[in-house]
Amino acid sequence: MLFASDLDRTLIYSRRSMGPDADPEMLTAVEEINGKLTAFMTTAGLALHRQMSSKISFVPVTTRTAEQYKRVTGLLDEVQEPEYAIVANGAVILKNGVPMAEWSARIQKQLLEDRATVKHVLKQLEVYTGKEFILEVKQAEEWFIYMIIDEQKFSPAELEHLAKIFFRQGFTFSQQGRKLYIMPNCINKATALNFVIKQLQAETVLAAGDSLLDLEMVKAADHGFIPAHGEAAQDAEVPASVRITAASGIQAGEEILQNVRRFLL
């Protein structure tokens, strides 16, 4: 059995995303940056994750770069390192911690063919970079662009306008809090996970994720889970195989792990 899961806002949570009802005494930090604790799980949820680690093939699937993923040491402590991890939204597959060169070469080739390179996107964004709602434009290595936005000044109309422009060119738009991702369609979690499933010859697949970047991966799994707070929970076409959690925020992460455990009993 294979369990593939997004990390941020699905299994792990920042102080900003964990929700107002989170009890600090019930949390354990799983990431630290320059001495600052930046991501958390419930202590019970982390214990569940560790208990299941020897009984299931866990595949982390994240928009984080490989370097950012490796910062989440608390999730990887006291468990065997996952054989496969999908990072950069599927542009990079790590096998035993090392990028699979043949996979990334395939993605690079597709980006060029689709005219979806970082250089192409940056040129398209030049007209927007002076807008007050865009605080910063960031580049995830050579794979994709995301923007840090002012949520108070960024209107739904602006989102719709930008989304239409890039949708026509073969991109997916996803807003996750203050981050707005412009993702080439050839970089996606579902395709990368399908490759890993074949490598592991997994017969049963469980998947969890909160955003539109996770949705196809979750829908394609035998059993899927979406946090109630997630962008993907608003999709009207979620199949019966996908369960939306009752809890929101960091408690949703624990609920997902409880549901996964039931499949192991």
C-alpha atoms as a PDB file:
ATOM      1  CA  MET A   1       0.000   0.000   0.000  1.00  0.00           C
ATOM      2  CA  LEU A   2       1.241   3.459  -0.940  1.00  0.00           C
ATOM      3  CA  PHE A   3       0.305   6.734   0.754  1.00  0.00           C
ATOM      4  CA  ALA A   4       1.186   9.864  -1.224  1.00  0.00           C
ATOM      5  CA  SER A   5       0.631  13.176   0.495  1.00  0.00           C
ATOM      6  CA  ASP A   6       1.161  16.849  -0.033  1.00  0.00           C
ATOM      7  CA  LEU A   7       2.939  18.465   2.908  1.00  0.00           C
ATOM      8  CA  ASP A   8       2.109  22.130   3.575  1.00  0.00           C
ATOM      9  CA  ARG A   9      -1.508  22.718   4.640  1.00  0.00           C
ATOM     10  CA  THR A  10      -2.182  18.967   4.372  1.00  0.00           C
ATOM     11  CA  LEU A  11       0.133  17.158   6.804  1.00  0.00           C
ATOM     12  CA  ILE A  12       2.215  20.065   8.135  1.00  0.00           C
ATOM     13  CA  TYR A  13       1.148  23.595   9.042  1.00  0.00           C
ATOM     14  CA  SER A  14       2.663  26.999   9.648  1.00  0.00           C
ATOM     15  CA  ARG A  15       1.402  29.135  12.527  1.00  0.00           C
ATOM     16  CA  ARG A  16      -0.559  31.119   9.951  1.00  0.00           C
ATOM     17  CA  SER A  17      -2.308  28.096   8.437  1.00  0.00           C
ATOM     18  CA  MET A  18      -2.892  25.851  11.467  1.00  0.00           C
ATOM     19  CA  GLY A  19      -6.164  27.554  12.430  1.00  0.00           C
ATOM     20  CA  PRO A  20      -7.281  29.608  15.447  1.00  0.00           C
ATOM     21  CA  ASP A  21      -8.254  26.595  17.566  1.00  0.00           C
ATOM     22  CA  ALA A  22      -4.848  24.897  17.503  1.00  0.00           C
ATOM     23  CA  ASP A  23      -3.586  24.166  21.026  1.00  0.00           C
ATOM     24  CA  PRO A  24       0.170  24.916  21.223  1.00  0.00           C
ATOM     25  CA  GLU A  25       0.599  22.259  23.903  1.00  0.00           C
ATOM     26  CA  MET A  26      -0.671  19.585  21.495  1.00  0.00           C
ATOM     27  CA  LEU A  27       1.776  20.457  18.690  1.00  0.00           C
ATOM     28  CA  THR A  28       5.255  19.316  17.697  1.00  0.00           C
ATOM     29  CA  ALA A  29       7.544  21.336  15.427  1.00  0.00           C
ATOM     30  CA  VAL A  30       8.722  19.537  12.282  1.00  0.00           C
ATOM     31  CA  GLU A  31      10.666  22.366  10.607  1.00  0.00           C
ATOM     32  CA  GLU A  32      13.078  24.995  11.876  1.00  0.00           C
ATOM     33  CA  ILE A  33      14.662  27.822   9.870  1.00  0.00           C
ATOM     34  CA  ASN A  34      17.418  29.932  11.441  1.00  0.00           C
ATOM     35  CA  GLY A  35      16.289  28.982  14.917  1.00  0.00           C
ATOM     36  CA  LYS A  36      12.625  29.767  14.216  1.00  0.00           C
ATOM     37  CA  LEU A  37      10.024  26.972  14.355  1.00  0.00           C
ATOM     38  CA  THR A  38       8.114  27.252  11.084  1.00  0.00           C
ATOM     39  CA  ALA A  39       5.989  24.119  10.582  1.00  0.00           C
ATOM     40  CA  PHE A  40       4.070  21.849  12.915  1.00  0.00           C
ATOM     41  CA  MET A  41       1.976  18.706  13.230  1.00  0.00           C
ATOM     42  CA  THR A  42      -0.220  17.667  16.101  1.00  0.00           C
ATOM     43  CA  THR A  43       1.818  15.457  18.410  1.00  0.00           C
ATOM     44  CA  ALA A  44      -0.769  12.696  17.949  1.00  0.00           C
ATOM     45  CA  GLY A  45      -0.622  13.042  14.161  1.00  0.00           C
ATOM     46  CA  LEU A  46       3.167  12.816  14.104  1.00  0.00           C
ATOM     47  CA  ALA A  47       3.006   9.714  16.312  1.00  0.00           C
ATOM     48  CA  LEU A  48       0.550   8.113  13.866  1.00  0.00           C
ATOM     49  CA  HIS A  49       2.860   8.915  10.965  1.00  0.00           C
ATOM     50  CA  ARG A  50       5.796   7.274  12.720  1.00  0.00           C
ATOM     51  CA  GLN A  51       3.779   4.208  13.717  1.00  0.00           C
ATOM     52  CA  MET A  52       2.676   3.625  10.118  1.00  0.00           C
ATOM     53  CA  SER A  53       6.027   4.298   8.466  1.00  0.00           C
ATOM     54  CA  SER A  54       7.147   0.659   8.509  1.00  0.00           C
ATOM     55  CA  LYS A  55       3.791  -0.636   7.252  1.00  0.00           C
ATOM     56  CA  ILE A  56       3.156   1.579   4.254  1.00  0.00           C
ATOM     57  CA  SER A  57       5.166   3.178   1.428  1.00  0.00           C
ATOM     58  CA  PHE A  58       4.998   6.895   2.224  1.00  0.00           C
ATOM     59  CA  VAL A  59       5.681   9.219  -0.715  1.00  0.00           C
ATOM     60  CA  PRO A  60       5.894  12.948   0.148  1.00  0.00           C
ATOM     61  CA  VAL A  61       4.584  15.064  -2.742  1.00  0.00           C
ATOM     62  CA  THR A  62       5.247  18.790  -2.500  1.00  0.00           C
ATOM     63  CA  THR A  63       5.695  22.048  -4.387  1.00  0.00           C
ATOM     64  CA  ARG A  64       8.776  22.634  -2.225  1.00  0.00           C
ATOM     65  CA  THR A  65      12.168  22.348  -3.871  1.00  0.00           C
ATOM     66  CA  ALA A  66      14.413  19.481  -2.783  1.00  0.00           C
ATOM     67  CA  GLU A  67      16.299  21.825  -0.455  1.00  0.00           C
ATOM     68  CA  GLN A  68      13.089  23.103   1.136  1.00  0.00           C
ATOM     69  CA  TYR A  69      11.724  19.561   1.497  1.00  0.00           C
ATOM     70  CA  LYS A  70      14.825  18.402   3.346  1.00  0.00           C
ATOM     71  CA  ARG A  71      14.237  21.101   5.973  1.00  0.00           C
ATOM     72  CA  VAL A  72      11.183  19.206   7.244  1.00  0.00           C
ATOM     73  CA  THR A  73      13.386  17.059   9.434  1.00  0.00           C
ATOM     74  CA  GLY A  74      10.741  16.387  12.075  1.00  0.00           C
ATOM     75  CA  LEU A  75       8.623  14.479   9.585  1.00  0.00           C
ATOM     76  CA  LEU A  76      11.592  12.311   8.607  1.00  0.00           C
ATOM     77  CA  ASP A  77      13.072  11.757  12.080  1.00  0.00           C
ATOM     78  CA  GLU A  78      12.642   8.303  13.627  1.00  0.00           C
ATOM     79  CA  VAL A  79      11.396   6.806  10.349  1.00  0.00           C
ATOM     80  CA  GLN A  80      13.107   5.244   7.378  1.00  0.00           C
ATOM     81  CA  GLU A  81      13.679   7.867   4.691  1.00  0.00           C
ATOM     82  CA  PRO A  82      11.068   7.462   1.946  1.00  0.00           C
ATOM     83  CA  GLU A  83      12.518   5.657  -1.053  1.00  0.00           C
ATOM     84  CA  TYR A  84      10.791   8.167  -3.320  1.00  0.00           C
ATOM     85  CA  ALA A  85       9.838  11.806  -2.761  1.00  0.00           C
ATOM     86  CA  ILE A  86       8.242  14.072  -5.348  1.00  0.00           C
ATOM     87  CA  VAL A  87       9.345  17.712  -5.093  1.00  0.00           C
ATOM     88  CA  ALA A  88       9.006  20.899  -7.147  1.00  0.00           C
ATOM     89  CA  ASN A  89       5.392  19.881  -7.850  1.00  0.00           C
ATOM     90  CA  GLY A  90       6.545  16.849  -9.830  1.00  0.00           C
ATOM     91  CA  ALA A  91       9.441  18.342 -11.773  1.00  0.00           C
ATOM     92  CA  VAL A  92      11.906  16.406  -9.612  1.00  0.00           C
ATOM     93  CA  ILE A  93      11.666  12.877  -8.228  1.00  0.00           C
ATOM     94  CA  LEU A  94      14.111  11.975  -5.475  1.00  0.00           C
ATOM     95  CA  LYS A  95      15.111   8.330  -5.184  1.00  0.00           C
ATOM     96  CA  ASN A  96      16.868   7.672  -1.876  1.00  0.00           C
ATOM     97  CA  GLY A  97      17.402  11.429  -1.629  1.00  0.00           C
ATOM     98  CA  VAL A  98      19.003  11.823  -5.075  1.00  0.00           C
ATOM     99  CA  PRO A  99      17.241  13.495  -8.053  1.00  0.00           C
ATOM    100  CA  MET A 100      16.443  11.119 -10.914  1.00  0.00           C
ATOM    101  CA  ALA A 101      18.211  12.844 -13.800  1.00  0.00           C
ATOM    102  CA  GLU A 102      16.220  11.078 -16.508  1.00  0.00           C
ATOM    103  CA  TRP A 103      12.922  12.314 -15.055  1.00  0.00           C
ATOM    104  CA  SER A 104      13.980  15.964 -14.788  1.00  0.00           C
ATOM    105  CA  ALA A 105      15.456  15.849 -18.304  1.00  0.00           C
ATOM    106  CA  ARG A 106      12.066  14.707 -19.566  1.00  0.00           C
ATOM    107  CA  ILE A 107      10.377  17.660 -17.832  1.00  0.00           C
ATOM    108  CA  GLN A 108      12.934  20.161 -19.156  1.00  0.00           C
ATOM    109  CA  LYS A 109      12.345  18.921 -22.696  1.00  0.00           C
ATOM    110  CA  GLN A 110       8.585  19.293 -22.295  1.00  0.00           C
ATOM    111  CA  LEU A 111       8.914  22.828 -20.901  1.00  0.00           C
ATOM    112  CA  LEU A 112      10.848  23.890 -23.986  1.00  0.00           C
ATOM    113  CA  GLU A 113       8.370  22.241 -26.335  1.00  0.00           C
ATOM    114  CA  ASP A 114       5.423  23.871 -24.542  1.00  0.00           C
ATOM    115  CA  ARG A 115       7.103  27.292 -24.309  1.00  0.00           C
ATOM    116  CA  ALA A 116       6.481  27.176 -20.582  1.00  0.00           C
ATOM    117  CA  THR A 117       9.940  27.942 -19.226  1.00  0.00           C
ATOM    118  CA  VAL A 118      10.582  30.290 -16.304  1.00  0.00           C
ATOM    119  CA  LYS A 119      12.020  32.844 -18.746  1.00  0.00           C
ATOM    120  CA  HIS A 120       8.769  32.832 -20.732  1.00  0.00           C
ATOM    121  CA  VAL A 121       6.632  33.337 -17.611  1.00  0.00           C
ATOM    122  CA  LEU A 122       8.794  36.156 -16.235  1.00  0.00           C
ATOM    123  CA  LYS A 123       8.455  38.038 -19.498  1.00  0.00           C
ATOM    124  CA  GLN A 124       4.656  37.682 -19.310  1.00  0.00           C
ATOM    125  CA  LEU A 125       4.659  39.029 -15.753  1.00  0.00           C
ATOM    126  CA  GLU A 126       6.691  42.163 -16.461  1.00  0.00           C
ATOM    127  CA  VAL A 127       3.550  44.267 -16.824  1.00  0.00           C
ATOM    128  CA  TYR A 128       2.299  43.135 -13.396  1.00  0.00           C
ATOM    129  CA  THR A 129       5.428  43.394 -11.258  1.00  0.00           C
ATOM    130  CA  GLY A 130       4.721  47.024 -10.371  1.00  0.00           C
ATOM    131  CA  LYS A 131       1.217  46.288  -9.118  1.00  0.00           C
ATOM    132  CA  GLU A 132       0.758  46.929  -5.404  1.00  0.00           C
ATOM    133  CA  PHE A 133      -0.852  43.524  -4.784  1.00  0.00           C
ATOM    134  CA  ILE A 134       2.305  41.674  -5.926  1.00  0.00           C
ATOM    135  CA  LEU A 135       4.857  41.833  -3.122  1.00  0.00           C
ATOM    136  CA  GLU A 136       7.466  39.530  -4.624  1.00  0.00           C
ATOM    137  CA  VAL A 137       8.017  37.242  -7.614  1.00  0.00           C
ATOM    138  CA  LYS A 138       9.950  34.071  -6.812  1.00  0.00           C
ATOM    139  CA  GLN A 139      11.501  31.315  -8.873  1.00  0.00           C
ATOM    140  CA  ALA A 140      11.517  27.652  -7.806  1.00  0.00           C
ATOM    141  CA  GLU A 141      14.851  26.697  -9.361  1.00  0.00           C
ATOM    142  CA  GLU A 142      14.403  26.371 -13.138  1.00  0.00           C
ATOM    143  CA  TRP A 143      10.912  24.898 -12.875  1.00  0.00           C
ATOM    144  CA  PHE A 144       8.197  27.447 -12.137  1.00  0.00           C
ATOM    145  CA  ILE A 145       7.262  30.879 -10.805  1.00  0.00           C
ATOM    146  CA  TYR A 146       5.190  31.846  -7.807  1.00  0.00           C
ATOM    147  CA  MET A 147       4.241  35.227  -6.415  1.00  0.00           C
ATOM    148  CA  ILE A 148       3.860  36.489  -2.866  1.00  0.00           C
ATOM    149  CA  ILE A 149       0.717  38.602  -2.854  1.00  0.00           C
ATOM    150  CA  ASP A 150      -1.057  41.015  -0.539  1.00  0.00           C
ATOM    151  CA  GLU A 151      -4.292  39.122   0.077  1.00  0.00           C
ATOM    152  CA  GLN A 152      -6.119  42.298   1.130  1.00  0.00           C
ATOM    153  CA  LYS A 153      -5.337  44.073  -2.136  1.00  0.00           C
ATOM    154  CA  PHE A 154      -5.516  41.096  -4.506  1.00  0.00           C
ATOM    155  CA  SER A 155      -9.076  40.907  -5.821  1.00  0.00           C
ATOM    156  CA  PRO A 156     -10.893  37.870  -7.293  1.00  0.00           C
ATOM    157  CA  ALA A 157     -11.135  39.838 -10.543  1.00  0.00           C
ATOM    158  CA  GLU A 158      -7.330  40.127 -10.731  1.00  0.00           C
ATOM    159  CA  LEU A 159      -6.990  36.398 -10.068  1.00  0.00           C
ATOM    160  CA  GLU A 160      -9.487  35.551 -12.787  1.00  0.00           C
ATOM    161  CA  HIS A 161      -7.767  37.873 -15.266  1.00  0.00           C
ATOM    162  CA  LEU A 162      -4.314  36.390 -14.672  1.00  0.00           C
ATOM    163  CA  ALA A 163      -5.649  32.856 -14.656  1.00  0.00           C
ATOM    164  CA  LYS A 164      -7.306  33.319 -18.055  1.00  0.00           C
ATOM    165  CA  ILE A 165      -4.092  34.637 -19.598  1.00  0.00           C
ATOM    166  CA  PHE A 166      -1.988  31.718 -18.420  1.00  0.00           C
ATOM    167  CA  PHE A 167      -4.664  29.033 -18.771  1.00  0.00           C
ATOM    168  CA  ARG A 168      -4.724  29.650 -22.527  1.00  0.00           C
ATOM    169  CA  GLN A 169      -0.972  29.048 -22.603  1.00  0.00           C
ATOM    170  CA  GLY A 170      -1.065  25.722 -20.754  1.00  0.00           C
ATOM    171  CA  PHE A 171      -0.646  26.714 -17.112  1.00  0.00           C
ATOM    172  CA  THR A 172      -2.532  25.980 -13.903  1.00  0.00           C
ATOM    173  CA  PHE A 173      -3.107  28.729 -11.346  1.00  0.00           C
ATOM    174  CA  SER A 174      -3.309  27.979  -7.637  1.00  0.00           C
ATOM    175  CA  GLN A 175      -3.582  30.366  -4.698  1.00  0.00           C
ATOM    176  CA  GLN A 176      -2.367  28.982  -1.369  1.00  0.00           C
ATOM    177  CA  GLY A 177      -2.582  31.700   1.217  1.00  0.00           C
ATOM    178  CA  ARG A 178      -0.140  34.451   0.235  1.00  0.00           C
ATOM    179  CA  LYS A 179       1.428  32.326  -2.507  1.00  0.00           C
ATOM    180  CA  LEU A 180       0.104  32.310  -6.061  1.00  0.00           C
ATOM    181  CA  TYR A 181       1.571  29.555  -8.226  1.00  0.00           C
ATOM    182  CA  ILE A 182       1.822  29.690 -12.015  1.00  0.00           C
ATOM    183  CA  MET A 183       2.418  26.048 -12.847  1.00  0.00           C
ATOM    184  CA  PRO A 184       3.142  24.627 -16.319  1.00  0.00           C
ATOM    185  CA  ASN A 185       0.735  21.773 -17.014  1.00  0.00           C
ATOM    186  CA  CYS A 186       3.620  19.414 -17.771  1.00  0.00           C
ATOM    187  CA  ILE A 187       4.802  19.832 -14.164  1.00  0.00           C
ATOM    188  CA  ASN A 188       2.190  18.071 -12.091  1.00  0.00           C
ATOM    189  CA  LYS A 189       2.015  15.765  -9.123  1.00  0.00           C
ATOM    190  CA  ALA A 190      -0.311  13.200 -10.699  1.00  0.00           C
ATOM    191  CA  THR A 191       2.037  12.306 -13.563  1.00  0.00           C
ATOM    192  CA  ALA A 192       5.064  12.082 -11.286  1.00  0.00           C
ATOM    193  CA  LEU A 193       3.165   9.932  -8.793  1.00  0.00           C
ATOM    194  CA  ASN A 194       1.997   7.596 -11.535  1.00  0.00           C
ATOM    195  CA  PHE A 195       5.657   7.029 -12.431  1.00  0.00           C
ATOM    196  CA  VAL A 196       6.512   6.249  -8.790  1.00  0.00           C
ATOM    197  CA  ILE A 197       3.532   3.904  -8.454  1.00  0.00           C
ATOM    198  CA  LYS A 198       4.869   1.878 -11.383  1.00  0.00           C
ATOM    199  CA  GLN A 199       8.356   1.811  -9.882  1.00  0.00           C
ATOM    200  CA  LEU A 200       7.027   0.488  -6.571  1.00  0.00           C
ATOM    201  CA  GLN A 201       4.377  -1.716  -8.213  1.00  0.00           C
ATOM    202  CA  ALA A 202       1.876  -0.476  -5.649  1.00  0.00           C
ATOM    203  CA  GLU A 203      -1.523  -2.130  -5.832  1.00  0.00           C
ATOM    204  CA  THR A 204      -3.458   0.235  -3.548  1.00  0.00           C
ATOM    205  CA  VAL A 205      -2.881   3.984  -3.539  1.00  0.00           C
ATOM    206  CA  LEU A 206      -4.052   6.538  -0.981  1.00  0.00           C
ATOM    207  CA  ALA A 207      -3.431  10.242  -1.622  1.00  0.00           C
ATOM    208  CA  ALA A 208      -4.036  13.503   0.231  1.00  0.00           C
ATOM    209  CA  GLY A 209      -3.737  17.163  -0.705  1.00  0.00           C
ATOM    210  CA  ASP A 210      -5.390  20.528  -0.185  1.00  0.00           C
ATOM    211  CA  SER A 211      -4.863  22.552  -3.371  1.00  0.00           C
ATOM    212  CA  LEU A 212      -5.795  22.487  -7.038  1.00  0.00           C
ATOM    213  CA  LEU A 213      -2.220  21.349  -7.669  1.00  0.00           C
ATOM    214  CA  ASP A 214      -3.075  18.192  -5.684  1.00  0.00           C
ATOM    215  CA  LEU A 215      -6.541  17.551  -7.054  1.00  0.00           C
ATOM    216  CA  GLU A 216      -5.802  15.250  -9.998  1.00  0.00           C
ATOM    217  CA  MET A 217      -3.434  13.167  -7.864  1.00  0.00           C
ATOM    218  CA  VAL A 218      -6.069  12.797  -5.142  1.00  0.00           C
ATOM    219  CA  LYS A 219      -8.868  11.983  -7.592  1.00  0.00           C
ATOM    220  CA  ALA A 220      -6.772   9.337  -9.354  1.00  0.00           C
ATOM    221  CA  ALA A 221      -6.012   7.449  -6.127  1.00  0.00           C
ATOM    222  CA  ASP A 222      -8.027   4.470  -4.922  1.00  0.00           C
ATOM    223  CA  HIS A 223      -8.847   6.527  -1.836  1.00  0.00           C
ATOM    224  CA  GLY A 224      -8.293  10.265  -1.538  1.00  0.00           C
ATOM    225  CA  PHE A 225      -8.436  12.828   1.256  1.00  0.00           C
ATOM    226  CA  ILE A 226      -8.828  16.612   1.098  1.00  0.00           C
ATOM    227  CA  PRO A 227      -8.681  18.918   4.149  1.00  0.00           C
ATOM    228  CA  ALA A 228     -11.941  20.833   4.598  1.00  0.00           C
ATOM    229  CA  HIS A 229     -10.062  24.151   4.415  1.00  0.00           C
ATOM    230  CA  GLY A 230      -8.430  23.228   1.111  1.00  0.00           C
ATOM    231  CA  GLU A 231      -8.791  24.988  -2.207  1.00  0.00           C
ATOM    232  CA  ALA A 232      -9.518  21.550  -3.735  1.00  0.00           C
ATOM    233  CA  ALA A 233     -12.480  21.005  -1.388  1.00  0.00           C
ATOM    234  CA  GLN A 234     -14.420  23.554  -3.454  1.00  0.00           C
ATOM    235  CA  ASP A 235     -14.277  21.369  -6.580  1.00  0.00           C
ATOM    236  CA  ALA A 236     -17.763  20.196  -7.571  1.00  0.00           C
ATOM    237  CA  GLU A 237     -16.503  17.044  -9.280  1.00  0.00           C
ATOM    238  CA  VAL A 238     -14.865  15.255  -6.356  1.00  0.00           C
ATOM    239  CA  PRO A 239     -15.642  11.528  -6.793  1.00  0.00           C
ATOM    240  CA  ALA A 240     -17.061   9.239  -4.115  1.00  0.00           C
ATOM    241  CA  SER A 241     -13.578   7.801  -3.529  1.00  0.00           C
ATOM    242  CA  VAL A 242     -12.426  11.150  -2.109  1.00  0.00           C
ATOM    243  CA  ARG A 243     -13.243  12.105   1.480  1.00  0.00           C
ATOM    244  CA  ILE A 244     -13.239  15.696   2.710  1.00  0.00           C
ATOM    245  CA  THR A 245     -12.228  15.938   6.357  1.00  0.00           C
ATOM    246  CA  ALA A 246     -14.600  17.103   9.055  1.00  0.00           C
ATOM    247  CA  ALA A 247     -11.799  19.077  10.704  1.00  0.00           C
ATOM    248  CA  SER A 248     -10.021  22.141   9.340  1.00  0.00           C
ATOM    249  CA  GLY A 249      -6.515  23.442   9.930  1.00  0.00           C
ATOM    250  CA  ILE A 250      -3.883  21.325  11.618  1.00  0.00           C
ATOM    251  CA  GLN A 251      -6.489  18.927  13.020  1.00  0.00           C
ATOM    252  CA  ALA A 252      -7.340  17.955   9.425  1.00  0.00           C
ATOM    253  CA  GLY A 253      -3.809  16.617   9.028  1.00  0.00           C
ATOM    254  CA  GLU A 254      -4.282  14.344  12.020  1.00  0.00           C
ATOM    255  CA  GLU A 255      -7.694  13.221  10.720  1.00  0.00           C
ATOM    256  CA  ILE A 256      -6.163  12.250   7.369  1.00  0.00           C
ATOM    257  CA  LEU A 257      -3.565  10.096   9.121  1.00  0.00           C
ATOM    258  CA  GLN A 258      -6.287   8.465  11.233  1.00  0.00           C
ATOM    259  CA  ASN A 259      -8.139   7.568   8.033  1.00  0.00           C
ATOM    260  CA  VAL A 260      -4.991   6.122   6.480  1.00  0.00           C
ATOM    261  CA  ARG A 261      -4.410   3.975   9.562  1.00  0.00           C
ATOM    262  CA  ARG A 262      -7.865   2.406   9.165  1.00  0.00           C
ATOM    263  CA  PHE A 263      -6.756   0.916   5.856  1.00  0.00           C
ATOM    264  CA  LEU A 264      -3.913  -0.843   7.653  1.00  0.00           C
ATOM    265  CA  LEU A 265      -6.083  -2.457  10.338  1.00  0.00           C
END
